[in-house]
C-alpha atoms as a PDB file:
ATOM      1  CA  MET A   1     -28.685 -47.282  35.971  1.00  0.00           C
ATOM      2  CA  GLN A   2     -30.536 -44.021  36.222  1.00  0.00           C
ATOM      3  CA  PHE A   3     -29.685 -40.855  34.301  1.00  0.00           C
ATOM      4  CA  VAL A   4     -30.799 -37.504  35.671  1.00  0.00           C
ATOM      5  CA  THR A   5     -30.093 -34.303  33.780  1.00  0.00           C
ATOM      6  CA  THR A   6     -30.929 -30.640  33.923  1.00  0.00           C
ATOM      7  CA  ASP A   7     -31.386 -30.369  30.169  1.00  0.00           C
ATOM      8  CA  ARG A   8     -33.630 -27.728  28.743  1.00  0.00           C
ATOM      9  CA  PRO A   9     -36.624 -29.752  27.604  1.00  0.00           C
ATOM     10  CA  ASP A  10     -37.416 -27.188  24.913  1.00  0.00           C
ATOM     11  CA  LEU A  11     -34.205 -27.968  23.014  1.00  0.00           C
ATOM     12  CA  GLU A  12     -34.356 -31.184  21.026  1.00  0.00           C
ATOM     13  CA  LEU A  13     -30.555 -31.184  20.627  1.00  0.00           C
ATOM     14  CA  HIS A  14     -30.104 -31.552  24.410  1.00  0.00           C
ATOM     15  CA  SER A  15     -32.394 -34.559  24.426  1.00  0.00           C
ATOM     16  CA  LEU A  16     -30.662 -36.180  21.454  1.00  0.00           C
ATOM     17  CA  LEU A  17     -27.184 -35.691  22.944  1.00  0.00           C
ATOM     18  CA  ARG A  18     -28.294 -37.057  26.322  1.00  0.00           C
ATOM     19  CA  GLN A  19     -29.868 -40.108  24.709  1.00  0.00           C
ATOM     20  CA  SER A  20     -26.796 -40.675  22.553  1.00  0.00           C
ATOM     21  CA  PHE A  21     -24.525 -40.524  25.611  1.00  0.00           C
ATOM     22  CA  GLN A  22     -26.742 -42.942  27.557  1.00  0.00           C
ATOM     23  CA  ILE A  23     -26.840 -45.454  24.704  1.00  0.00           C
ATOM     24  CA  ARG A  24     -23.083 -45.288  24.151  1.00  0.00           C
ATOM     25  CA  LEU A  25     -22.253 -45.595  27.854  1.00  0.00           C
ATOM     26  CA  MET A  26     -24.564 -48.571  28.322  1.00  0.00           C
ATOM     27  CA  ARG A  27     -23.200 -50.242  25.178  1.00  0.00           C
ATOM     28  CA  TRP A  28     -19.650 -49.688  26.433  1.00  0.00           C
ATOM     29  CA  LEU A  29     -20.467 -51.042  29.912  1.00  0.00           C
ATOM     30  CA  ASN A  30     -22.109 -54.132  28.420  1.00  0.00           C
ATOM     31  CA  GLY A  31     -19.059 -54.906  26.305  1.00  0.00           C
ATOM     32  CA  LYS A  32     -16.554 -57.573  27.285  1.00  0.00           C
ATOM     33  CA  GLY A  33     -12.929 -56.964  28.122  1.00  0.00           C
ATOM     34  CA  HIS A  34     -11.027 -53.801  27.400  1.00  0.00           C
ATOM     35  CA  PRO A  35     -11.867 -51.558  24.437  1.00  0.00           C
ATOM     36  CA  ALA A  36      -9.899 -52.638  21.356  1.00  0.00           C
ATOM     37  CA  GLU A  37      -8.340 -49.182  21.014  1.00  0.00           C
ATOM     38  CA  LEU A  38      -6.384 -49.750  24.251  1.00  0.00           C
ATOM     39  CA  ARG A  39      -4.792 -53.038  23.196  1.00  0.00           C
ATOM     40  CA  GLY A  40      -1.024 -52.792  23.248  1.00  0.00           C
ATOM     41  CA  THR A  41      -1.102 -49.127  24.271  1.00  0.00           C
ATOM     42  CA  ILE A  42      -2.474 -48.462  27.753  1.00  0.00           C
ATOM     43  CA  ILE A  43      -3.403 -52.131  28.265  1.00  0.00           C
ATOM     44  CA  PRO A  44      -0.574 -54.633  27.699  1.00  0.00           C
ATOM     45  CA  GLU A  45      -1.295 -57.364  25.111  1.00  0.00           C
ATOM     46  CA  GLU A  46      -1.188 -60.110  27.761  1.00  0.00           C
ATOM     47  CA  LEU A  47      -3.716 -58.405  30.045  1.00  0.00           C
ATOM     48  CA  TYR A  48      -5.950 -57.556  27.093  1.00  0.00           C
ATOM     49  CA  ASP A  49      -6.028 -61.190  25.987  1.00  0.00           C
ATOM     50  CA  GLU A  50      -6.478 -62.478  29.541  1.00  0.00           C
ATOM     51  CA  GLN A  51      -9.538 -60.293  30.168  1.00  0.00           C
ATOM     52  CA  SER A  52     -10.995 -60.337  26.634  1.00  0.00           C
ATOM     53  CA  ASN A  53     -14.127 -62.290  27.641  1.00  0.00           C
ATOM     54  CA  ASP A  54     -14.570 -60.807  31.120  1.00  0.00           C
ATOM     55  CA  SER A  55     -17.979 -59.128  31.266  1.00  0.00           C
ATOM     56  CA  LEU A  56     -17.041 -57.257  34.479  1.00  0.00           C
ATOM     57  CA  THR A  57     -13.884 -55.545  33.209  1.00  0.00           C
ATOM     58  CA  ARG A  58     -15.564 -52.346  32.052  1.00  0.00           C
ATOM     59  CA  ALA A  59     -17.753 -52.012  35.143  1.00  0.00           C
ATOM     60  CA  LYS A  60     -14.613 -52.399  37.269  1.00  0.00           C
ATOM     61  CA  LEU A  61     -12.860 -49.715  35.196  1.00  0.00           C
ATOM     62  CA  LEU A  62     -15.742 -47.289  35.733  1.00  0.00           C
ATOM     63  CA  LEU A  63     -15.864 -48.072  39.463  1.00  0.00           C
ATOM     64  CA  ARG A  64     -12.127 -47.479  39.806  1.00  0.00           C
ATOM     65  CA  ALA A  65     -12.378 -44.228  37.833  1.00  0.00           C
ATOM     66  CA  VAL A  66     -15.093 -42.758  40.067  1.00  0.00           C
ATOM     67  CA  THR A  67     -14.023 -44.157  43.457  1.00  0.00           C
ATOM     68  CA  ASP A  68     -10.303 -44.920  43.105  1.00  0.00           C
ATOM     69  CA  ALA A  69     -11.111 -48.338  44.614  1.00  0.00           C
ATOM     70  CA  ASP A  70     -11.777 -51.870  43.394  1.00  0.00           C
ATOM     71  CA  LEU A  71     -14.715 -52.466  45.746  1.00  0.00           C
ATOM     72  CA  LEU A  72     -18.093 -50.780  45.979  1.00  0.00           C
ATOM     73  CA  PRO A  73     -18.313 -48.240  48.800  1.00  0.00           C
ATOM     74  CA  ILE A  74     -20.073 -49.434  51.962  1.00  0.00           C
ATOM     75  CA  ASP A  75     -22.579 -46.575  51.723  1.00  0.00           C
ATOM     76  CA  GLU A  76     -25.844 -48.135  50.524  1.00  0.00           C
ATOM     77  CA  HIS A  77     -26.800 -44.806  48.922  1.00  0.00           C
ATOM     78  CA  PHE A  78     -23.678 -44.679  46.749  1.00  0.00           C
ATOM     79  CA  SER A  79     -24.353 -43.304  43.283  1.00  0.00           C
ATOM     80  CA  VAL A  80     -22.440 -41.904  40.348  1.00  0.00           C
ATOM     81  CA  LYS A  81     -23.370 -38.538  38.907  1.00  0.00           C
ATOM     82  CA  VAL A  82     -22.330 -37.527  35.408  1.00  0.00           C
ATOM     83  CA  SER A  83     -22.642 -33.844  34.585  1.00  0.00           C
ATOM     84  CA  HIS A  84     -22.257 -32.010  31.335  1.00  0.00           C
ATOM     85  CA  HIS A  85     -22.567 -28.492  30.079  1.00  0.00           C
ATOM     86  CA  LEU A  86     -23.635 -27.757  26.549  1.00  0.00           C
ATOM     87  CA  ASP A  87     -23.154 -24.170  25.488  1.00  0.00           C
ATOM     88  CA  LEU A  88     -25.253 -23.410  22.436  1.00  0.00           C
ATOM     89  CA  GLY A  89     -24.469 -19.727  22.479  1.00  0.00           C
ATOM     90  CA  PRO A  90     -27.026 -16.923  22.853  1.00  0.00           C
ATOM     91  CA  ARG A  91     -30.678 -17.932  23.133  1.00  0.00           C
END
């Protein structure tokens, strides 16, 4: 996975926030099953238990969120872009 940003390199806070987001996203994607916080709320108990050891569940969730489909697009150049805006006030 590649992360590309338009951060201001002169602001250390931008770099730290970007790195924190990347680490957290990769950790989340590498997790198994659904996040524990969703058990019995958005994700029914039965489905949570059924997919608890599935290492593809989170990747499938991300794919569905960005494409509204369960399969990868046919386009070989398909990519996902995550944008953010950090307003630190006046310079």
